[in-house]
Amino acid sequence: MRRHLLKWDGARLCARERLMRVRSLAKAMGMERPSPTRAKGLFSWFKMCLAAWLALLLLGLGLGQQLFWMGTLGGSSSEAWDISSDGMWATGTSETSDGWFHAFLFHYPPMPPWLWDLGTLPGGFWSRGWGVYSEDSQVVVVGEADTGVVHAFYWYGTMTDIGAGCMCFGEPWSGRAYDVTGLPDSIRFTVVGSSNHEVFNAVRFLPEPCLPLCCDIDPPPEFAYAVSRDGRVIVGGWPLAFIWQDGVCRLLGTLPGHTNSAAYGVSPDGSLVVGLSGGPDRHGFYWTRSTGMVELLMPDVVHNCIAHDASDPDPSGVGFFPRIVGAADLGSGDRAYWWRGLNRIGEDLNLLFADLLSDGSVLEVATAISADGRYIVGYGTHRPTEQRMGFWLDTCRHEKGDVNCDSCIDDADLLAVLFRFGEHCSGCPEDINRDGIVDDADLLIVLFNFGLGC
């Protein structure tokens, strides 16, 4: 029934025309107009809608969709590289006031200081945060840090040296941790990354003992970039993308005409792998057990693209899922992109959320997405400061009528409001303007923005 109940013709319909469509739809569904008793003492149906519409134009609403630029640790740049499954925590790297780079932790809603400096390992000068996991208000970050040589670390209140890891052949000199799942005191605690001794080797640092991955492949893959929520699926790559599951390693190959590939992300449930396939050009891909490797669809203006991360598939089967985030080269520079569904063309986040970028700022790379597909982190150019800076984006358009937060205001949102029309509720998503009742004003918000983001 989605996308067929009402047809959006791209033009702004007047309030009366929209209201007539709602009345026709409500009548077809067996829904009644509010009773005279309930409407007694209020504006007429049409006048009430028109008043609400004018109030929206004059006052606006400040709920829902938000873009937050993270700032820096005192230096001139920062980059956000991972987000927790619930979307409330992020990690990355920022330049400090003394010119070194340190791993940081960010929480939304932000509290001063916006970024928490995670410091370095003893004797070191720099660190980088690559992966974050949170559970029950506890958070762990993994990355790499300087100790004279590069060592992997995890931060759980304090920074702990994991060491250089292990390799299929020889002893490692250095190590880097890229992703984590579980908390350090849980049986599920898993840290993945790479060890190095002249060549790199994908590795599972924890749980102990350290485990080099895919030693039966020649040469073994170099980097393990991501791990599923349960720790059973690990992906990575170079020179070829791989998936490791329950001790079995499998190469994913390349797109036609390409020579190398890497898997940079896996959905939290482990069913969807995303990454980059390269040759004369570079293309993002997704991989599932049923489809194999498939090139992500892009508009003609895109030269190259990359996929960094993926949300869980939508368990309800409704909406644009799963969601994949990454970046595209438009010739004039990189732009943050996402794909809402496996067979949909990629979309420029700068165009979809242009109303949040009125200061000229640019979202350049989307690096990670929350499990539900709502929150995105990455980095771009913050125009007011002319700095490269990490960002946190809430893609829900609730204040514009996106009741189910799928970033598309359509029939599903309209029906959600209609089915609860007249109900008094506190905090329910159908009460878009938060006045305690689902009524004409909420319908008008949906109708005024119908088709936005679709």
Protein backbone atom coordinates (compact mmCIF):
# COMPACT_ATOMS: atom_id res chain seq x y z
CA MET A 1 0.00 0.00 0.00
CA ARG A 2 3.04 2.27 0.44
CA ARG A 3 3.57 4.87 -2.22
CA HIS A 4 0.19 4.17 -3.87
CA LEU A 5 -2.33 5.76 -1.55
CA LEU A 6 -1.27 9.28 -2.46
CA LYS A 7 0.72 10.39 -5.49
CA TRP A 8 3.05 13.29 -4.94
CA ASP A 9 3.34 15.46 -8.02
CA GLY A 10 6.22 17.55 -6.71
CA ALA A 11 4.13 20.70 -6.25
CA ARG A 12 3.06 22.21 -2.97
CA LEU A 13 -0.66 21.51 -2.56
CA CYS A 14 -2.69 24.09 -0.69
CA ALA A 15 -3.97 23.15 2.73
CA ARG A 16 -7.53 22.69 1.52
CA GLU A 17 -6.58 20.30 -1.31
CA ARG A 18 -4.47 18.22 1.03
CA LEU A 19 -7.23 18.10 3.57
CA MET A 20 -9.70 16.86 0.94
CA ARG A 21 -7.31 14.02 0.12
CA VAL A 22 -7.04 13.09 3.77
CA ARG A 23 -10.83 13.11 4.15
CA SER A 24 -11.23 10.84 1.10
CA LEU A 25 -8.59 8.46 2.41
CA ALA A 26 -10.08 8.44 5.90
CA LYS A 27 -13.55 7.72 4.49
CA ALA A 28 -12.22 4.84 2.41
CA MET A 29 -10.62 3.41 5.55
CA GLY A 30 -13.83 3.72 7.55
CA MET A 31 -12.46 6.53 9.71
CA GLU A 32 -14.71 9.38 10.79
CA ARG A 33 -14.21 13.09 11.13
CA PRO A 34 -13.97 14.29 14.76
CA SER A 35 -17.39 14.42 16.41
CA PRO A 36 -19.11 17.81 16.89
CA THR A 37 -18.88 17.27 20.64
CA ARG A 38 -15.12 17.00 20.61
CA ALA A 39 -14.78 19.93 18.22
CA LYS A 40 -17.16 22.15 20.18
CA GLY A 41 -15.65 25.50 21.06
CA LEU A 42 -12.77 25.04 18.59
CA PHE A 43 -12.16 26.25 15.07
CA SER A 44 -13.97 24.53 12.26
CA TRP A 45 -12.12 21.61 10.71
CA PHE A 46 -10.62 23.65 7.90
CA LYS A 47 -9.89 26.77 9.96
CA MET A 48 -8.20 24.67 12.60
CA CYS A 49 -5.93 23.05 9.98
CA LEU A 50 -5.14 26.37 8.36
CA ALA A 51 -4.28 27.94 11.71
CA ALA A 52 -1.96 25.08 12.55
CA TRP A 53 -0.29 25.35 9.16
CA LEU A 54 0.30 29.09 9.60
CA ALA A 55 1.68 28.49 13.08
CA LEU A 56 4.18 26.05 11.66
CA LEU A 57 5.32 28.57 9.06
CA LEU A 58 5.71 31.32 11.65
CA LEU A 59 7.23 29.41 14.52
CA GLY A 60 8.91 26.33 13.03
CA LEU A 61 9.81 23.28 15.06
CA GLY A 62 13.15 22.28 16.59
CA LEU A 63 12.66 18.56 17.12
CA GLY A 64 14.26 15.57 15.39
CA GLN A 65 16.87 15.81 12.66
CA GLN A 66 20.14 17.35 13.84
CA LEU A 67 23.67 17.82 12.56
CA PHE A 68 26.40 18.32 15.13
CA TRP A 69 29.97 19.31 14.27
CA MET A 70 32.21 17.76 16.93
CA GLY A 71 34.99 20.33 17.10
CA THR A 72 38.59 19.39 17.87
CA LEU A 73 40.91 18.74 20.82
CA GLY A 74 42.49 22.17 20.31
CA GLY A 75 44.05 21.55 16.90
CA SER A 76 42.88 22.20 13.37
CA SER A 77 41.15 18.93 12.43
CA SER A 78 39.19 15.90 13.59
CA GLU A 79 37.66 12.80 11.97
CA ALA A 80 34.96 10.49 13.36
CA TRP A 81 35.45 6.85 12.36
CA ASP A 82 32.94 4.72 14.24
CA ILE A 83 29.60 4.92 16.02
CA SER A 84 28.04 2.64 18.63
CA SER A 85 25.06 0.48 17.69
CA ASP A 86 22.65 2.81 19.52
CA GLY A 87 24.15 5.88 17.84
CA MET A 88 24.98 7.72 21.05
CA TRP A 89 28.76 7.20 21.14
CA ALA A 90 31.44 7.88 18.53
CA THR A 91 35.21 7.72 18.32
CA GLY A 92 37.88 9.02 15.99
CA THR A 93 41.02 11.12 15.94
CA SER A 94 41.65 14.81 16.51
CA GLU A 95 44.66 17.07 16.39
CA THR A 96 45.56 18.51 19.79
CA SER A 97 46.84 21.97 20.61
CA ASP A 98 50.44 20.71 20.60
CA GLY A 99 50.12 19.24 17.10
CA TRP A 100 49.84 15.53 17.99
CA PHE A 101 46.80 13.41 17.18
CA HIS A 102 44.81 11.71 19.95
CA ALA A 103 41.91 9.28 20.01
CA PHE A 104 38.68 10.86 21.26
CA LEU A 105 35.29 9.80 22.59
CA PHE A 106 32.10 11.69 21.73
CA HIS A 107 28.64 11.32 23.28
CA TYR A 108 25.29 12.62 22.09
CA PRO A 109 23.69 14.70 23.44
CA PRO A 110 27.02 16.50 23.72
CA MET A 111 28.34 17.77 27.03
CA PRO A 112 31.38 20.02 27.49
CA PRO A 113 34.03 19.15 26.62
CA TRP A 114 32.50 17.97 23.35
CA LEU A 115 35.36 15.53 22.79
CA TRP A 116 37.01 13.50 25.53
CA ASP A 117 40.76 13.11 24.97
CA LEU A 118 41.63 9.43 25.53
CA GLY A 119 45.34 10.19 25.78
CA THR A 120 48.17 7.84 24.81
CA LEU A 121 49.96 4.75 26.05
CA PRO A 122 52.90 5.30 28.43
CA GLY A 123 55.87 6.80 26.61
CA GLY A 124 53.84 7.61 23.52
CA PHE A 125 52.85 10.84 21.81
CA TRP A 126 49.85 9.95 19.65
CA SER A 127 46.85 7.63 19.38
CA ARG A 128 43.99 6.97 16.95
CA GLY A 129 40.51 5.72 17.75
CA TRP A 130 39.01 3.34 15.17
CA GLY A 131 36.21 1.37 16.82
CA VAL A 132 33.64 1.85 19.61
CA TYR A 133 31.11 -0.35 21.40
CA SER A 134 28.60 0.57 24.12
CA GLU A 135 26.26 -1.39 26.35
CA ASP A 136 24.31 -0.38 29.48
CA SER A 137 25.94 3.08 29.55
CA GLN A 138 29.41 1.54 29.43
CA VAL A 139 31.71 2.14 26.48
CA VAL A 140 34.94 0.69 25.10
CA VAL A 141 37.15 2.15 22.35
CA VAL A 142 39.89 0.42 20.34
CA GLY A 143 42.63 1.81 18.14
CA GLU A 144 46.36 2.22 17.73
CA ALA A 145 48.88 4.21 19.78
CA ASP A 146 52.54 5.10 19.86
CA THR A 147 54.84 3.39 22.36
CA GLY A 148 58.02 3.87 20.35
CA VAL A 149 56.41 1.30 18.07
CA VAL A 150 52.73 1.09 17.15
CA HIS A 151 50.59 -1.05 19.49
CA ALA A 152 46.89 -1.87 19.52
CA PHE A 153 44.93 -0.65 22.55
CA TYR A 154 41.51 -0.72 24.12
CA TRP A 155 40.17 2.06 26.33
CA TYR A 156 37.71 1.18 29.08
CA GLY A 157 38.13 4.08 31.48
CA THR A 158 41.88 3.82 30.99
CA MET A 159 43.98 2.89 27.96
CA THR A 160 45.25 -0.72 27.95
CA ASP A 161 48.09 -1.91 25.70
CA ILE A 162 47.06 -5.00 23.71
CA GLY A 163 50.47 -5.26 22.08
CA ALA A 164 51.53 -6.14 18.56
CA GLY A 165 49.30 -9.19 18.19
CA CYS A 166 50.31 -12.32 16.28
CA MET A 167 50.98 -13.51 12.73
CA CYS A 168 50.71 -16.62 10.60
CA PHE A 169 54.49 -16.55 10.10
CA GLY A 170 57.06 -14.86 12.34
CA GLU A 171 56.72 -12.42 15.21
CA PRO A 172 54.95 -9.06 14.78
CA TRP A 173 56.58 -5.69 15.24
CA SER A 174 53.44 -3.61 15.52
CA GLY A 175 49.68 -3.88 15.82
CA ARG A 176 46.51 -1.88 15.13
CA ALA A 177 42.96 -2.54 16.43
CA TYR A 178 40.09 -1.49 14.14
CA ASP A 179 36.87 -2.79 15.68
CA VAL A 180 35.38 -4.20 18.88
CA THR A 181 32.27 -5.89 20.18
CA GLY A 182 31.33 -6.69 23.76
CA LEU A 183 32.73 -5.21 26.96
CA PRO A 184 36.09 -6.27 28.44
CA ASP A 185 34.39 -8.16 31.29
CA SER A 186 32.07 -10.12 28.97
CA ILE A 187 32.61 -13.44 27.22
CA ARG A 188 31.73 -11.74 23.92
CA PHE A 189 34.62 -9.24 24.06
CA THR A 190 36.30 -9.39 20.64
CA VAL A 191 38.93 -7.05 19.19
CA VAL A 192 40.11 -7.31 15.58
CA GLY A 193 42.78 -5.54 13.55
CA SER A 194 46.17 -6.09 11.97
CA SER A 195 49.69 -7.10 12.95
CA ASN A 196 52.81 -6.19 10.99
CA HIS A 197 56.27 -7.64 10.36
CA GLU A 198 57.37 -6.46 6.92
CA VAL A 199 53.92 -7.65 5.77
CA PHE A 200 50.53 -7.20 7.43
CA ASN A 201 48.33 -9.97 8.78
CA ALA A 202 44.63 -9.79 9.74
CA VAL A 203 44.28 -10.76 13.39
CA ARG A 204 41.81 -11.28 16.23
CA PHE A 205 43.62 -9.82 19.25
CA LEU A 206 41.02 -10.83 21.81
CA PRO A 207 39.71 -13.11 23.25
CA GLU A 208 43.01 -14.70 24.14
CA PRO A 209 44.95 -16.40 22.76
CA CYS A 210 45.63 -14.04 19.86
CA LEU A 211 44.50 -15.59 16.56
CA PRO A 212 45.99 -14.77 13.12
CA LEU A 213 43.24 -15.09 10.50
CA CYS A 214 43.11 -17.00 7.22
CA CYS A 215 46.56 -18.58 7.45
CA ASP A 216 45.44 -21.22 4.93
CA ILE A 217 45.24 -18.52 2.22
CA ASP A 218 48.39 -17.46 0.35
CA PRO A 219 49.03 -14.66 0.98
CA PRO A 220 46.89 -14.19 4.10
CA PRO A 221 44.65 -11.07 4.12
CA GLU A 222 46.31 -8.07 5.70
CA PHE A 223 43.58 -6.27 7.66
CA ALA A 224 40.55 -7.22 9.76
CA TYR A 225 38.38 -4.10 9.73
CA ALA A 226 35.05 -5.06 11.30
CA VAL A 227 33.33 -7.62 13.52
CA SER A 228 29.66 -8.53 13.94
CA ARG A 229 27.69 -7.94 17.12
CA ASP A 230 28.11 -11.53 18.36
CA GLY A 231 31.82 -11.72 17.45
CA ARG A 232 31.33 -14.67 15.11
CA VAL A 233 31.82 -12.82 11.81
CA ILE A 234 34.99 -10.87 10.96
CA VAL A 235 35.61 -9.10 7.65
CA GLY A 236 38.54 -7.29 6.11
CA GLY A 237 40.85 -7.57 3.20
CA TRP A 238 43.62 -6.61 0.92
CA PRO A 239 44.63 -7.78 -1.50
CA LEU A 240 41.20 -9.47 -1.50
CA ALA A 241 38.17 -8.99 0.73
CA PHE A 242 37.42 -11.85 3.09
CA ILE A 243 34.85 -13.06 5.58
CA TRP A 244 35.82 -15.22 8.55
CA GLN A 245 33.05 -17.03 10.38
CA ASP A 246 33.40 -19.59 13.16
CA GLY A 247 36.97 -20.43 12.13
CA VAL A 248 36.35 -20.69 8.37
CA CYS A 249 37.86 -18.07 6.05
CA ARG A 250 36.44 -17.26 2.60
CA LEU A 251 37.66 -14.81 -0.04
CA LEU A 252 34.94 -12.64 -1.57
CA GLY A 253 36.69 -11.90 -4.88
CA THR A 254 36.31 -8.65 -6.83
CA LEU A 255 33.89 -6.92 -9.16
CA PRO A 256 34.41 -7.73 -12.88
CA GLY A 257 37.59 -6.22 -14.30
CA HIS A 258 39.07 -5.42 -10.88
CA THR A 259 42.18 -6.84 -9.22
CA ASN A 260 41.80 -6.13 -5.49
CA SER A 261 39.17 -5.56 -2.83
CA ALA A 262 38.65 -4.92 0.86
CA ALA A 263 35.65 -5.33 3.15
CA TYR A 264 35.41 -2.33 5.48
CA GLY A 265 32.12 -3.00 7.25
CA VAL A 266 29.65 -5.69 8.27
CA SER A 267 26.07 -5.28 9.47
CA PRO A 268 25.68 -5.92 13.22
CA ASP A 269 23.88 -9.22 12.51
CA GLY A 270 26.72 -10.38 10.24
CA SER A 271 24.57 -10.91 7.13
CA LEU A 272 25.75 -8.00 4.95
CA VAL A 273 29.34 -7.07 4.03
CA VAL A 274 30.32 -3.78 2.34
CA GLY A 275 33.56 -2.37 1.00
CA LEU A 276 35.63 -1.39 -2.02
CA SER A 277 36.65 -3.19 -5.21
CA GLY A 278 39.47 -1.60 -7.19
CA GLY A 279 41.20 -1.72 -10.55
CA PRO A 280 41.20 1.02 -13.20
CA ASP A 281 38.51 2.64 -11.05
CA ARG A 282 37.03 2.10 -7.58
CA HIS A 283 33.51 0.94 -6.80
CA GLY A 284 31.66 0.26 -3.57
CA PHE A 285 30.09 -3.17 -3.20
CA TYR A 286 27.81 -5.17 -0.98
CA TRP A 287 28.04 -8.90 -0.44
CA THR A 288 25.56 -11.42 0.97
CA ARG A 289 25.69 -15.19 0.96
CA SER A 290 22.85 -15.34 -1.52
CA THR A 291 23.97 -12.62 -3.97
CA GLY A 292 27.76 -12.70 -3.82
CA MET A 293 29.54 -9.41 -4.55
CA VAL A 294 27.31 -6.77 -6.17
CA GLU A 295 28.28 -3.27 -7.29
CA LEU A 296 26.44 -0.45 -5.49
CA LEU A 297 24.34 1.70 -7.82
CA MET A 298 25.50 5.29 -8.32
CA PRO A 299 24.36 8.35 -10.29
CA ASP A 300 26.23 9.14 -13.52
CA VAL A 301 28.02 12.14 -11.97
CA VAL A 302 30.04 9.85 -9.66
CA HIS A 303 33.55 8.82 -10.73
CA ASN A 304 34.44 6.46 -7.87
CA CYS A 305 32.82 5.42 -4.61
CA ILE A 306 33.45 3.45 -1.43
CA ALA A 307 31.22 1.80 1.17
CA HIS A 308 32.33 1.95 4.81
CA ASP A 309 29.53 0.51 6.96
CA ALA A 310 26.03 -0.99 6.99
CA SER A 311 23.05 -1.05 9.32
CA ASP A 312 21.03 -4.12 10.23
CA PRO A 313 18.38 -5.20 7.71
CA ASP A 314 14.91 -3.91 8.60
CA PRO A 315 13.19 -6.70 10.57
CA SER A 316 9.73 -5.40 9.65
CA GLY A 317 10.45 -5.40 5.93
CA VAL A 318 9.13 -1.82 5.73
CA GLY A 319 11.24 1.18 4.81
CA PHE A 320 14.50 1.79 3.00
CA PHE A 321 16.77 -0.82 4.53
CA PRO A 322 19.47 -1.87 4.98
CA ARG A 323 21.36 1.39 4.90
CA ILE A 324 24.95 1.62 3.70
CA VAL A 325 27.20 4.67 4.12
CA GLY A 326 30.37 5.76 2.40
CA ALA A 327 31.67 8.40 0.02
CA ALA A 328 31.71 9.27 -3.67
CA ASP A 329 34.19 11.17 -5.84
CA LEU A 330 32.33 13.76 -7.89
CA GLY A 331 35.45 15.04 -9.62
CA SER A 332 35.27 18.26 -7.63
CA GLY A 333 35.80 16.49 -4.31
CA ASP A 334 34.42 13.75 -2.08
CA ARG A 335 30.84 13.78 -0.83
CA ALA A 336 29.24 11.66 1.87
CA TYR A 337 26.76 9.17 0.38
CA TRP A 338 24.30 6.59 1.56
CA TRP A 339 22.27 3.81 0.00
CA ARG A 340 18.77 3.20 1.38
CA GLY A 341 18.26 -0.37 0.23
CA LEU A 342 20.45 -2.73 -1.76
CA ASN A 343 18.94 -1.90 -5.15
CA ARG A 344 18.59 1.86 -4.77
CA ILE A 345 20.90 4.45 -6.30
CA GLY A 346 23.25 6.16 -3.85
CA GLU A 347 22.24 9.59 -2.56
CA ASP A 348 24.36 12.60 -1.64
CA LEU A 349 23.76 13.43 2.02
CA ASN A 350 24.59 17.06 1.25
CA LEU A 351 21.53 17.30 -0.99
CA LEU A 352 19.19 15.34 1.26
CA PHE A 353 20.07 17.42 4.30
CA ALA A 354 20.84 20.72 2.59
CA ASP A 355 18.75 22.63 5.13
CA LEU A 356 21.33 21.70 7.78
CA LEU A 357 24.24 22.97 5.67
CA SER A 358 23.14 26.54 5.00
CA ASP A 359 26.50 27.84 6.29
CA GLY A 360 28.30 26.20 3.36
CA SER A 361 29.70 23.24 5.30
CA VAL A 362 30.23 19.97 3.38
CA LEU A 363 29.79 16.35 4.47
CA GLU A 364 32.68 14.60 2.71
CA VAL A 365 32.87 11.03 4.05
CA ALA A 366 30.31 8.99 6.00
CA THR A 367 32.30 6.38 7.91
CA ALA A 368 29.80 4.56 10.15
CA ILE A 369 26.07 4.12 10.81
CA SER A 370 24.09 2.94 13.84
CA ALA A 371 22.42 -0.48 13.86
CA ASP A 372 18.96 1.00 13.19
CA GLY A 373 20.22 3.14 10.31
CA ARG A 374 19.27 6.44 11.93
CA TYR A 375 22.59 7.97 13.07
CA ILE A 376 25.67 8.60 10.91
CA VAL A 377 29.17 9.84 11.70
CA GLY A 378 32.00 10.90 9.43
CA TYR A 379 33.93 14.03 8.60
CA GLY A 380 33.82 17.01 6.29
CA THR A 381 34.61 20.69 5.97
CA HIS A 382 33.12 22.91 8.66
CA ARG A 383 32.87 26.17 6.74
CA PRO A 384 32.65 28.62 9.67
CA THR A 385 36.08 27.48 10.93
CA GLU A 386 37.45 26.17 7.60
CA GLN A 387 38.53 23.01 9.43
CA ARG A 388 38.21 19.35 8.59
CA MET A 389 35.92 18.16 11.35
CA GLY A 390 34.00 15.10 12.51
CA PHE A 391 30.20 15.22 12.37
CA TRP A 392 27.25 13.38 13.95
CA LEU A 393 24.01 13.32 11.96
CA ASP A 394 20.51 12.28 13.04
CA THR A 395 18.72 11.44 9.78
CA CYS A 396 15.21 11.29 11.27
CA ARG A 397 12.90 14.03 9.92
CA HIS A 398 10.37 13.74 12.72
CA GLU A 399 9.73 17.47 13.02
CA LYS A 400 8.74 17.42 9.33
CA GLY A 401 6.39 14.44 9.68
CA ASP A 402 8.76 11.45 9.42
CA VAL A 403 6.87 9.44 12.03
CA ASN A 404 8.70 6.14 11.43
CA CYS A 405 12.11 7.84 11.00
CA ASP A 406 12.93 6.22 7.66
CA SER A 407 13.96 9.64 6.22
CA CYS A 408 11.06 9.58 3.74
CA ILE A 409 7.74 11.32 4.46
CA ASP A 410 5.16 9.20 2.72
CA ASP A 411 1.98 7.12 3.04
CA ALA A 412 3.31 5.18 6.00
CA ASP A 413 3.71 8.35 8.06
CA LEU A 414 0.29 9.64 7.02
CA LEU A 415 -1.40 6.37 7.98
CA ALA A 416 0.40 6.29 11.31
CA VAL A 417 -1.12 9.68 12.19
CA LEU A 418 -4.56 8.72 10.88
CA PHE A 419 -4.72 5.49 12.88
CA ARG A 420 -4.08 7.41 16.13
CA PHE A 421 -6.05 10.50 15.17
CA GLY A 422 -7.80 12.07 18.16
CA GLU A 423 -5.76 10.20 20.77
CA HIS A 424 -4.18 11.99 23.70
CA CYS A 425 -0.61 10.77 24.16
CA SER A 426 2.64 11.91 25.69
CA GLY A 427 5.78 11.35 23.65
CA CYS A 428 4.18 9.17 20.96
CA PRO A 429 5.80 9.73 17.52
CA GLU A 430 2.42 10.44 15.89
CA ASP A 431 2.07 13.60 18.00
CA ILE A 432 4.55 15.42 15.79
CA ASN A 433 4.21 18.87 17.33
CA ARG A 434 4.32 17.49 20.89
CA ASP A 435 1.11 19.18 22.07
CA GLY A 436 -0.28 16.04 23.71
CA ILE A 437 -2.85 15.09 21.07
CA VAL A 438 -2.72 13.58 17.57
CA ASP A 439 -4.84 16.00 15.57
CA ASP A 440 -5.18 18.23 12.50
CA ALA A 441 -1.93 20.05 13.17
CA ASP A 442 0.02 16.78 12.98
CA LEU A 443 -1.73 15.80 9.75
CA LEU A 444 -0.87 19.15 8.20
CA ILE A 445 2.81 18.71 9.03
CA VAL A 446 2.88 15.38 7.19
CA LEU A 447 0.94 16.72 4.21
CA PHE A 448 2.96 19.91 3.91
CA ASN A 449 6.20 17.88 3.66
CA PHE A 450 4.79 14.84 1.84
CA GLY A 451 7.38 13.28 -0.49
CA LEU A 452 10.38 14.89 1.23
CA GLY A 453 13.38 12.57 1.24
CA CYS A 454 11.72 9.87 -0.90
